[in-house]
């Protein structure tokens, strides 16, 4: 079973995504204390959170000697936003 880690402390978000994703994926919530910018622009907030989460994943992978990567169908939309 594949595992996907979600950066969220909100149990409601986890339940919502569990209902959407196939049961063959195990979703695991990891709560991280990420600063959140104050803005009325939701796209700006999402972009900032994505950049911070990506930086943490990249840093973690380097420490473990792994290359960060996602399947292309997931990576392309993230790169387009960033």
C-alpha atoms as a PDB file:
ATOM      1  CA  UNK A   1       0.000   0.000   0.000  1.00  0.00           C
ATOM      2  CA  UNK A   2       1.384   3.394  -0.988  1.00  0.00           C
ATOM      3  CA  UNK A   3       1.481   6.163   1.582  1.00  0.00           C
ATOM      4  CA  UNK A   4       0.936   9.869   1.002  1.00  0.00           C
ATOM      5  CA  UNK A   5       1.775  12.356   3.719  1.00  0.00           C
ATOM      6  CA  UNK A   6      -0.439  15.414   4.035  1.00  0.00           C
ATOM      7  CA  UNK A   7       0.776  18.523   5.788  1.00  0.00           C
ATOM      8  CA  UNK A   8      -2.290  19.402   7.813  1.00  0.00           C
ATOM      9  CA  UNK A   9      -3.459  19.495  11.387  1.00  0.00           C
ATOM     10  CA  UNK A  10      -7.081  19.638  10.300  1.00  0.00           C
ATOM     11  CA  UNK A  11      -8.806  16.241  10.727  1.00  0.00           C
ATOM     12  CA  UNK A  12     -11.667  17.443   8.499  1.00  0.00           C
ATOM     13  CA  UNK A  13      -9.287  17.910   5.560  1.00  0.00           C
ATOM     14  CA  UNK A  14      -7.882  14.428   6.107  1.00  0.00           C
ATOM     15  CA  UNK A  15     -11.366  12.853   6.121  1.00  0.00           C
ATOM     16  CA  UNK A  16     -12.366  14.782   2.998  1.00  0.00           C
ATOM     17  CA  UNK A  17      -9.295  13.624   1.092  1.00  0.00           C
ATOM     18  CA  UNK A  18      -9.690  10.037   2.308  1.00  0.00           C
ATOM     19  CA  UNK A  19     -13.149  10.069   0.734  1.00  0.00           C
ATOM     20  CA  UNK A  20     -11.728  11.297  -2.585  1.00  0.00           C
ATOM     21  CA  UNK A  21      -8.543   9.215  -2.919  1.00  0.00           C
ATOM     22  CA  UNK A  22      -8.706   5.491  -3.719  1.00  0.00           C
ATOM     23  CA  UNK A  23      -8.557   3.148  -0.727  1.00  0.00           C
ATOM     24  CA  UNK A  24      -5.330   1.672  -2.132  1.00  0.00           C
ATOM     25  CA  UNK A  25      -3.549   4.822  -0.865  1.00  0.00           C
ATOM     26  CA  UNK A  26      -2.917   5.344   2.816  1.00  0.00           C
ATOM     27  CA  UNK A  27      -3.163   9.032   3.715  1.00  0.00           C
ATOM     28  CA  UNK A  28      -1.154  10.117   6.743  1.00  0.00           C
ATOM     29  CA  UNK A  29      -1.547  13.571   8.274  1.00  0.00           C
ATOM     30  CA  UNK A  30       1.556  15.327   9.564  1.00  0.00           C
ATOM     31  CA  UNK A  31       1.025  18.521  11.474  1.00  0.00           C
ATOM     32  CA  UNK A  32       3.735  21.102  10.892  1.00  0.00           C
ATOM     33  CA  UNK A  33       3.810  24.594  12.280  1.00  0.00           C
ATOM     34  CA  UNK A  34       4.113  26.565   9.034  1.00  0.00           C
ATOM     35  CA  UNK A  35       3.819  30.311   9.175  1.00  0.00           C
ATOM     36  CA  UNK A  36       0.855  31.569   7.206  1.00  0.00           C
ATOM     37  CA  UNK A  37       1.066  34.870   5.422  1.00  0.00           C
ATOM     38  CA  UNK A  38      -1.748  37.330   5.943  1.00  0.00           C
ATOM     39  CA  UNK A  39      -3.399  38.152   2.670  1.00  0.00           C
ATOM     40  CA  UNK A  40      -6.845  38.546   1.133  1.00  0.00           C
ATOM     41  CA  UNK A  41      -5.536  36.753  -1.977  1.00  0.00           C
ATOM     42  CA  UNK A  42      -6.160  33.016  -1.546  1.00  0.00           C
ATOM     43  CA  UNK A  43      -3.859  32.163  -4.467  1.00  0.00           C
ATOM     44  CA  UNK A  44      -1.009  34.013  -2.779  1.00  0.00           C
ATOM     45  CA  UNK A  45      -1.595  32.066   0.461  1.00  0.00           C
ATOM     46  CA  UNK A  46      -1.710  28.703  -1.349  1.00  0.00           C
ATOM     47  CA  UNK A  47       1.405  29.518  -3.385  1.00  0.00           C
ATOM     48  CA  UNK A  48       3.309  30.480  -0.231  1.00  0.00           C
ATOM     49  CA  UNK A  49       2.228  27.287   1.607  1.00  0.00           C
ATOM     50  CA  UNK A  50       3.216  25.120  -1.376  1.00  0.00           C
ATOM     51  CA  UNK A  51       6.638  26.732  -1.547  1.00  0.00           C
ATOM     52  CA  UNK A  52       7.206  26.223   2.189  1.00  0.00           C
ATOM     53  CA  UNK A  53       6.030  22.600   2.143  1.00  0.00           C
ATOM     54  CA  UNK A  54       8.126  21.824  -0.953  1.00  0.00           C
ATOM     55  CA  UNK A  55      11.203  23.343   0.690  1.00  0.00           C
ATOM     56  CA  UNK A  56      10.693  21.111   3.748  1.00  0.00           C
ATOM     57  CA  UNK A  57      10.303  17.981   1.620  1.00  0.00           C
ATOM     58  CA  UNK A  58      13.383  18.869  -0.429  1.00  0.00           C
ATOM     59  CA  UNK A  59      15.427  19.479   2.733  1.00  0.00           C
ATOM     60  CA  UNK A  60      14.252  16.194   4.265  1.00  0.00           C
ATOM     61  CA  UNK A  61      15.097  14.227   1.113  1.00  0.00           C
ATOM     62  CA  UNK A  62      18.596  15.712   0.949  1.00  0.00           C
ATOM     63  CA  UNK A  63      19.230  14.683   4.549  1.00  0.00           C
ATOM     64  CA  UNK A  64      18.211  11.121   3.753  1.00  0.00           C
ATOM     65  CA  UNK A  65      20.172  11.000   0.501  1.00  0.00           C
ATOM     66  CA  UNK A  66      17.052  10.800  -1.653  1.00  0.00           C
ATOM     67  CA  UNK A  67      15.954  12.891  -4.574  1.00  0.00           C
ATOM     68  CA  UNK A  68      12.589  14.591  -4.107  1.00  0.00           C
ATOM     69  CA  UNK A  69      10.103  13.676  -6.742  1.00  0.00           C
ATOM     70  CA  UNK A  70       6.478  13.161  -7.518  1.00  0.00           C
ATOM     71  CA  UNK A  71       4.805  11.351 -10.346  1.00  0.00           C
ATOM     72  CA  UNK A  72       4.691  13.768 -13.277  1.00  0.00           C
ATOM     73  CA  UNK A  73       0.898  14.089 -13.159  1.00  0.00           C
ATOM     74  CA  UNK A  74       1.247  15.575  -9.642  1.00  0.00           C
ATOM     75  CA  UNK A  75       4.496  17.489 -10.127  1.00  0.00           C
ATOM     76  CA  UNK A  76       3.456  19.425 -13.243  1.00  0.00           C
ATOM     77  CA  UNK A  77       0.516  21.299 -11.610  1.00  0.00           C
ATOM     78  CA  UNK A  78       2.685  22.192  -8.613  1.00  0.00           C
ATOM     79  CA  UNK A  79       5.448  23.558 -10.854  1.00  0.00           C
ATOM     80  CA  UNK A  80       2.872  25.576 -12.794  1.00  0.00           C
ATOM     81  CA  UNK A  81       1.671  27.217  -9.565  1.00  0.00           C
ATOM     82  CA  UNK A  82       5.191  27.911  -8.318  1.00  0.00           C
END
